[in-house]
Amino acid sequence: CGYARTATIRAVAAPKRTAAENLSLRQAYYRYVAEGQGPTVSVIQDLDPNPGFGAFWGEVNTAIHSGLGALGLVTNGSIRDLDACAPGFQMLAGKVGPSHAHVHVVDYGGQVNIFGMLVDDGDIIHADRHGAVVVPADAVKKLRDDQASGAQGKGDPGRRPCTGFRHR
């Protein structure tokens, strides 16, 4: 599990921005992924009418995101280059496809919708081969506040509370 870094993409049509503007947005997105609390999970919504026409995720972006501290990704779009993706990088996607088409970042840092699962920047994402769930950031804050104040929840009074997240 990790802290969500959210973005939206499109791939069917080329971006209307200039190449320089597109590069600047992509670089700003990468800085956003690298900043803040980690580990992270990239959660990217494909906005195209038929998500997955072009894959943002493959050999290059899994390597970049892994280097930036991301443990994996969740997307309603597609993934590619499965045999060449970064070792250990976890992927949960809508489909596998061969093309990157005109894939480009539209925006980042806002709320995304992945098959009905609403995710905000900073939410906790837990995913495995069966799917993903989101733990809203405010719920995590409340849990930490309750632990700090010594509040006892329902359940086993002798059970030790969770104090953090484990990652690779």
C-alpha atoms as a PDB file:
ATOM      1  CA  CYS A   1       0.000   0.000   0.000  1.00  0.00           C
ATOM      2  CA  GLY A   2       1.051   3.578  -0.451  1.00  0.00           C
ATOM      3  CA  TYR A   3      -0.001   7.191  -0.691  1.00  0.00           C
ATOM      4  CA  ALA A   4      -1.928   8.026  -3.859  1.00  0.00           C
ATOM      5  CA  ARG A   5      -0.443  10.291  -6.493  1.00  0.00           C
ATOM      6  CA  THR A   6      -3.268  10.981  -8.922  1.00  0.00           C
ATOM      7  CA  ALA A   7      -3.377  12.052 -12.554  1.00  0.00           C
ATOM      8  CA  THR A   8      -5.548  11.964 -15.648  1.00  0.00           C
ATOM      9  CA  ILE A   9      -4.440  11.023 -19.158  1.00  0.00           C
ATOM     10  CA  ARG A  10      -5.752  10.815 -22.715  1.00  0.00           C
ATOM     11  CA  ALA A  11      -4.357   8.853 -25.665  1.00  0.00           C
ATOM     12  CA  VAL A  12      -6.784   8.812 -28.614  1.00  0.00           C
ATOM     13  CA  ALA A  13      -5.880  12.274 -29.943  1.00  0.00           C
ATOM     14  CA  ALA A  14      -2.629  14.200 -29.752  1.00  0.00           C
ATOM     15  CA  PRO A  15      -2.525  16.915 -27.085  1.00  0.00           C
ATOM     16  CA  LYS A  16      -3.507  20.430 -28.116  1.00  0.00           C
ATOM     17  CA  ARG A  17      -0.556  21.867 -26.200  1.00  0.00           C
ATOM     18  CA  THR A  18       2.800  22.532 -27.816  1.00  0.00           C
ATOM     19  CA  ALA A  19       5.556  19.941 -27.424  1.00  0.00           C
ATOM     20  CA  ALA A  20       7.301  22.240 -24.923  1.00  0.00           C
ATOM     21  CA  GLU A  21       4.103  22.679 -22.869  1.00  0.00           C
ATOM     22  CA  ASN A  22       3.507  18.931 -22.918  1.00  0.00           C
ATOM     23  CA  LEU A  23       7.067  18.247 -21.742  1.00  0.00           C
ATOM     24  CA  SER A  24       6.743  20.850 -18.981  1.00  0.00           C
ATOM     25  CA  LEU A  25       3.502  19.266 -17.723  1.00  0.00           C
ATOM     26  CA  ARG A  26       5.016  15.765 -17.790  1.00  0.00           C
ATOM     27  CA  GLN A  27       8.069  16.982 -15.823  1.00  0.00           C
ATOM     28  CA  ALA A  28       5.834  18.749 -13.291  1.00  0.00           C
ATOM     29  CA  TYR A  29       3.853  15.512 -12.899  1.00  0.00           C
ATOM     30  CA  TYR A  30       7.073  13.548 -12.239  1.00  0.00           C
ATOM     31  CA  ARG A  31       8.137  16.113  -9.596  1.00  0.00           C
ATOM     32  CA  TYR A  32       4.702  15.743  -7.978  1.00  0.00           C
ATOM     33  CA  VAL A  33       5.105  11.940  -7.850  1.00  0.00           C
ATOM     34  CA  ALA A  34       8.531  12.290  -6.199  1.00  0.00           C
ATOM     35  CA  GLU A  35       7.423  14.796  -3.529  1.00  0.00           C
ATOM     36  CA  GLY A  36       5.552  14.261  -0.282  1.00  0.00           C
ATOM     37  CA  GLN A  37       5.070  11.283   1.950  1.00  0.00           C
ATOM     38  CA  GLY A  38       5.866   7.821   0.608  1.00  0.00           C
ATOM     39  CA  PRO A  39       5.819   5.142  -0.430  1.00  0.00           C
ATOM     40  CA  THR A  40       3.472   6.041  -3.262  1.00  0.00           C
ATOM     41  CA  VAL A  41       1.081   4.366  -5.667  1.00  0.00           C
ATOM     42  CA  SER A  42       0.271   6.157  -8.926  1.00  0.00           C
ATOM     43  CA  VAL A  43      -3.452   6.209  -9.637  1.00  0.00           C
ATOM     44  CA  ILE A  44      -4.174   7.349 -13.184  1.00  0.00           C
ATOM     45  CA  GLN A  45      -7.597   7.766 -14.778  1.00  0.00           C
ATOM     46  CA  ASP A  46      -7.779   7.415 -18.555  1.00  0.00           C
ATOM     47  CA  LEU A  47     -10.378   9.999 -19.646  1.00  0.00           C
ATOM     48  CA  ASP A  48     -10.863   8.686 -23.187  1.00  0.00           C
ATOM     49  CA  PRO A  49     -14.363   7.356 -24.062  1.00  0.00           C
ATOM     50  CA  ASN A  50     -12.862   3.842 -24.347  1.00  0.00           C
ATOM     51  CA  PRO A  51     -10.040   3.807 -21.775  1.00  0.00           C
ATOM     52  CA  GLY A  52      -6.905   1.914 -22.707  1.00  0.00           C
ATOM     53  CA  PHE A  53      -6.522   2.934 -26.351  1.00  0.00           C
ATOM     54  CA  GLY A  54      -2.956   3.946 -25.532  1.00  0.00           C
ATOM     55  CA  ALA A  55      -0.856   2.814 -22.571  1.00  0.00           C
ATOM     56  CA  PHE A  56       0.902   5.313 -20.312  1.00  0.00           C
ATOM     57  CA  TRP A  57       2.451   2.370 -18.481  1.00  0.00           C
ATOM     58  CA  GLY A  58       5.219   0.166 -19.828  1.00  0.00           C
ATOM     59  CA  GLU A  59       8.967  -0.290 -19.603  1.00  0.00           C
ATOM     60  CA  VAL A  60       9.820   3.425 -19.409  1.00  0.00           C
ATOM     61  CA  ASN A  61       7.182   4.776 -17.015  1.00  0.00           C
ATOM     62  CA  THR A  62       7.440   1.840 -14.606  1.00  0.00           C
ATOM     63  CA  ALA A  63      11.216   2.430 -14.399  1.00  0.00           C
ATOM     64  CA  ILE A  64      10.780   6.192 -13.911  1.00  0.00           C
ATOM     65  CA  HIS A  65       8.053   5.809 -11.281  1.00  0.00           C
ATOM     66  CA  SER A  66       9.972   3.090  -9.444  1.00  0.00           C
ATOM     67  CA  GLY A  67      12.962   5.436  -9.317  1.00  0.00           C
ATOM     68  CA  LEU A  68      10.713   8.172  -7.914  1.00  0.00           C
ATOM     69  CA  GLY A  69       9.554   5.928  -5.043  1.00  0.00           C
ATOM     70  CA  ALA A  70       6.317   4.512  -6.416  1.00  0.00           C
ATOM     71  CA  LEU A  71       5.556   0.903  -5.531  1.00  0.00           C
ATOM     72  CA  GLY A  72       3.009   0.446  -8.290  1.00  0.00           C
ATOM     73  CA  LEU A  73       0.014   1.736 -10.169  1.00  0.00           C
ATOM     74  CA  VAL A  74      -3.741   1.478 -10.435  1.00  0.00           C
ATOM     75  CA  THR A  75      -5.441   2.589 -13.660  1.00  0.00           C
ATOM     76  CA  ASN A  76      -8.608   2.089 -15.652  1.00  0.00           C
ATOM     77  CA  GLY A  77      -6.389   2.330 -18.740  1.00  0.00           C
ATOM     78  CA  SER A  78      -3.941  -0.115 -20.257  1.00  0.00           C
ATOM     79  CA  ILE A  79      -0.433  -1.364 -19.594  1.00  0.00           C
ATOM     80  CA  ARG A  80       2.181  -2.755 -22.003  1.00  0.00           C
ATOM     81  CA  ASP A  81       5.732  -4.146 -22.134  1.00  0.00           C
ATOM     82  CA  LEU A  82       4.896  -6.619 -19.363  1.00  0.00           C
ATOM     83  CA  ASP A  83       8.140  -8.537 -19.822  1.00  0.00           C
ATOM     84  CA  ALA A  84      10.238  -5.362 -19.581  1.00  0.00           C
ATOM     85  CA  CYS A  85       8.589  -3.448 -16.726  1.00  0.00           C
ATOM     86  CA  ALA A  86      10.576  -2.438 -13.647  1.00  0.00           C
ATOM     87  CA  PRO A  87      11.211  -5.457 -11.402  1.00  0.00           C
ATOM     88  CA  GLY A  88       8.788  -5.591  -8.473  1.00  0.00           C
ATOM     89  CA  PHE A  89       6.651  -2.728  -9.780  1.00  0.00           C
ATOM     90  CA  GLN A  90       3.040  -3.720  -9.109  1.00  0.00           C
ATOM     91  CA  MET A  91       0.367  -3.048 -11.732  1.00  0.00           C
ATOM     92  CA  LEU A  92      -3.428  -3.229 -11.642  1.00  0.00           C
ATOM     93  CA  ALA A  93      -5.019  -2.079 -14.891  1.00  0.00           C
ATOM     94  CA  GLY A  94      -8.143  -2.251 -17.014  1.00  0.00           C
ATOM     95  CA  LYS A  95      -6.369  -4.121 -19.799  1.00  0.00           C
ATOM     96  CA  VAL A  96      -3.159  -4.938 -21.595  1.00  0.00           C
ATOM     97  CA  GLY A  97      -2.593  -3.223 -24.951  1.00  0.00           C
ATOM     98  CA  PRO A  98       0.235  -2.888 -27.460  1.00  0.00           C
ATOM     99  CA  SER A  99       0.201   0.847 -28.188  1.00  0.00           C
ATOM    100  CA  HIS A 100       1.098   4.089 -26.449  1.00  0.00           C
ATOM    101  CA  ALA A 101      -0.811   6.049 -29.158  1.00  0.00           C
ATOM    102  CA  HIS A 102      -0.861   9.794 -28.265  1.00  0.00           C
ATOM    103  CA  VAL A 103      -0.800   9.242 -24.491  1.00  0.00           C
ATOM    104  CA  HIS A 104      -0.303  12.435 -22.509  1.00  0.00           C
ATOM    105  CA  VAL A 105      -0.917  13.778 -19.019  1.00  0.00           C
ATOM    106  CA  VAL A 106      -3.975  16.031 -18.837  1.00  0.00           C
ATOM    107  CA  ASP A 107      -3.762  17.013 -15.158  1.00  0.00           C
ATOM    108  CA  TYR A 108      -2.474  15.739 -11.824  1.00  0.00           C
ATOM    109  CA  GLY A 109      -3.177  16.034  -8.108  1.00  0.00           C
ATOM    110  CA  GLY A 110      -6.986  15.994  -8.328  1.00  0.00           C
ATOM    111  CA  GLN A 111      -9.636  13.402  -7.682  1.00  0.00           C
ATOM    112  CA  VAL A 112      -9.741  10.460 -10.079  1.00  0.00           C
ATOM    113  CA  ASN A 113     -12.320   7.749 -10.709  1.00  0.00           C
ATOM    114  CA  ILE A 114     -11.062   4.230 -11.365  1.00  0.00           C
ATOM    115  CA  PHE A 115     -14.040   2.014 -12.172  1.00  0.00           C
ATOM    116  CA  GLY A 116     -16.127   3.822  -9.542  1.00  0.00           C
ATOM    117  CA  MET A 117     -13.379   4.009  -6.897  1.00  0.00           C
ATOM    118  CA  LEU A 118     -12.840   7.703  -6.111  1.00  0.00           C
ATOM    119  CA  VAL A 119      -9.276   8.535  -5.113  1.00  0.00           C
ATOM    120  CA  ASP A 120      -7.849  11.834  -3.904  1.00  0.00           C
ATOM    121  CA  ASP A 121      -4.198  12.811  -3.705  1.00  0.00           C
ATOM    122  CA  GLY A 122      -2.744  11.473  -0.451  1.00  0.00           C
ATOM    123  CA  ASP A 123      -5.343   8.762   0.146  1.00  0.00           C
ATOM    124  CA  ILE A 124      -3.937   5.375   1.102  1.00  0.00           C
ATOM    125  CA  ILE A 125      -4.245   2.752  -1.637  1.00  0.00           C
ATOM    126  CA  HIS A 126      -4.083  -0.954  -0.915  1.00  0.00           C
ATOM    127  CA  ALA A 127      -4.038  -3.175  -3.974  1.00  0.00           C
ATOM    128  CA  ASP A 128      -3.320  -6.748  -4.892  1.00  0.00           C
ATOM    129  CA  ARG A 129      -4.117  -9.035  -7.817  1.00  0.00           C
ATOM    130  CA  HIS A 130      -7.794  -9.007  -6.838  1.00  0.00           C
ATOM    131  CA  GLY A 131      -8.379  -5.270  -6.849  1.00  0.00           C
ATOM    132  CA  ALA A 132      -7.791  -2.083  -4.903  1.00  0.00           C
ATOM    133  CA  VAL A 133      -9.346  -0.206  -2.009  1.00  0.00           C
ATOM    134  CA  VAL A 134      -8.898   3.350  -0.859  1.00  0.00           C
ATOM    135  CA  VAL A 135      -8.519   4.578   2.713  1.00  0.00           C
ATOM    136  CA  PRO A 136      -9.271   8.315   2.704  1.00  0.00           C
ATOM    137  CA  ALA A 137      -6.503  10.535   4.075  1.00  0.00           C
ATOM    138  CA  ASP A 138      -8.882  12.017   6.695  1.00  0.00           C
ATOM    139  CA  ALA A 139      -9.596   8.503   8.049  1.00  0.00           C
ATOM    140  CA  VAL A 140      -5.855   7.879   8.424  1.00  0.00           C
ATOM    141  CA  LYS A 141      -5.453  11.228  10.199  1.00  0.00           C
ATOM    142  CA  LYS A 142      -8.303  10.378  12.589  1.00  0.00           C
ATOM    143  CA  LEU A 143      -6.753   6.984  13.352  1.00  0.00           C
ATOM    144  CA  ARG A 144      -3.391   8.599  14.088  1.00  0.00           C
ATOM    145  CA  ASP A 145      -5.034  11.286  16.240  1.00  0.00           C
ATOM    146  CA  ASP A 146      -6.957   8.616  18.176  1.00  0.00           C
ATOM    147  CA  GLN A 147      -3.750   6.628  18.718  1.00  0.00           C
ATOM    148  CA  ALA A 148      -1.864   9.714  19.863  1.00  0.00           C
ATOM    149  CA  SER A 149      -4.589  10.607  22.361  1.00  0.00           C
ATOM    150  CA  GLY A 150      -4.746   7.054  23.691  1.00  0.00           C
ATOM    151  CA  ALA A 151      -8.349   6.551  22.560  1.00  0.00           C
ATOM    152  CA  GLN A 152      -9.430   2.919  22.647  1.00  0.00           C
ATOM    153  CA  GLY A 153     -11.582   1.679  19.819  1.00  0.00           C
ATOM    154  CA  LYS A 154     -13.844  -1.339  19.870  1.00  0.00           C
ATOM    155  CA  GLY A 155     -12.157  -4.684  19.527  1.00  0.00           C
ATOM    156  CA  ASP A 156      -9.416  -6.438  21.447  1.00  0.00           C
ATOM    157  CA  PRO A 157      -8.275  -4.035  24.211  1.00  0.00           C
ATOM    158  CA  GLY A 158      -4.916  -5.810  24.403  1.00  0.00           C
ATOM    159  CA  ARG A 159      -4.200  -5.540  20.724  1.00  0.00           C
ATOM    160  CA  ARG A 160      -1.360  -3.243  19.793  1.00  0.00           C
ATOM    161  CA  PRO A 161      -2.348  -0.540  17.251  1.00  0.00           C
ATOM    162  CA  CYS A 162      -0.705  -0.366  13.856  1.00  0.00           C
ATOM    163  CA  THR A 163       2.063   2.224  13.890  1.00  0.00           C
ATOM    164  CA  GLY A 164       3.019   2.415  10.277  1.00  0.00           C
ATOM    165  CA  PHE A 165       3.159   0.841   6.859  1.00  0.00           C
ATOM    166  CA  ARG A 166       5.604  -1.729   5.643  1.00  0.00           C
ATOM    167  CA  HIS A 167       6.956  -1.571   2.146  1.00  0.00           C
ATOM    168  CA  ARG A 168       9.730  -3.176   0.188  1.00  0.00           C
END
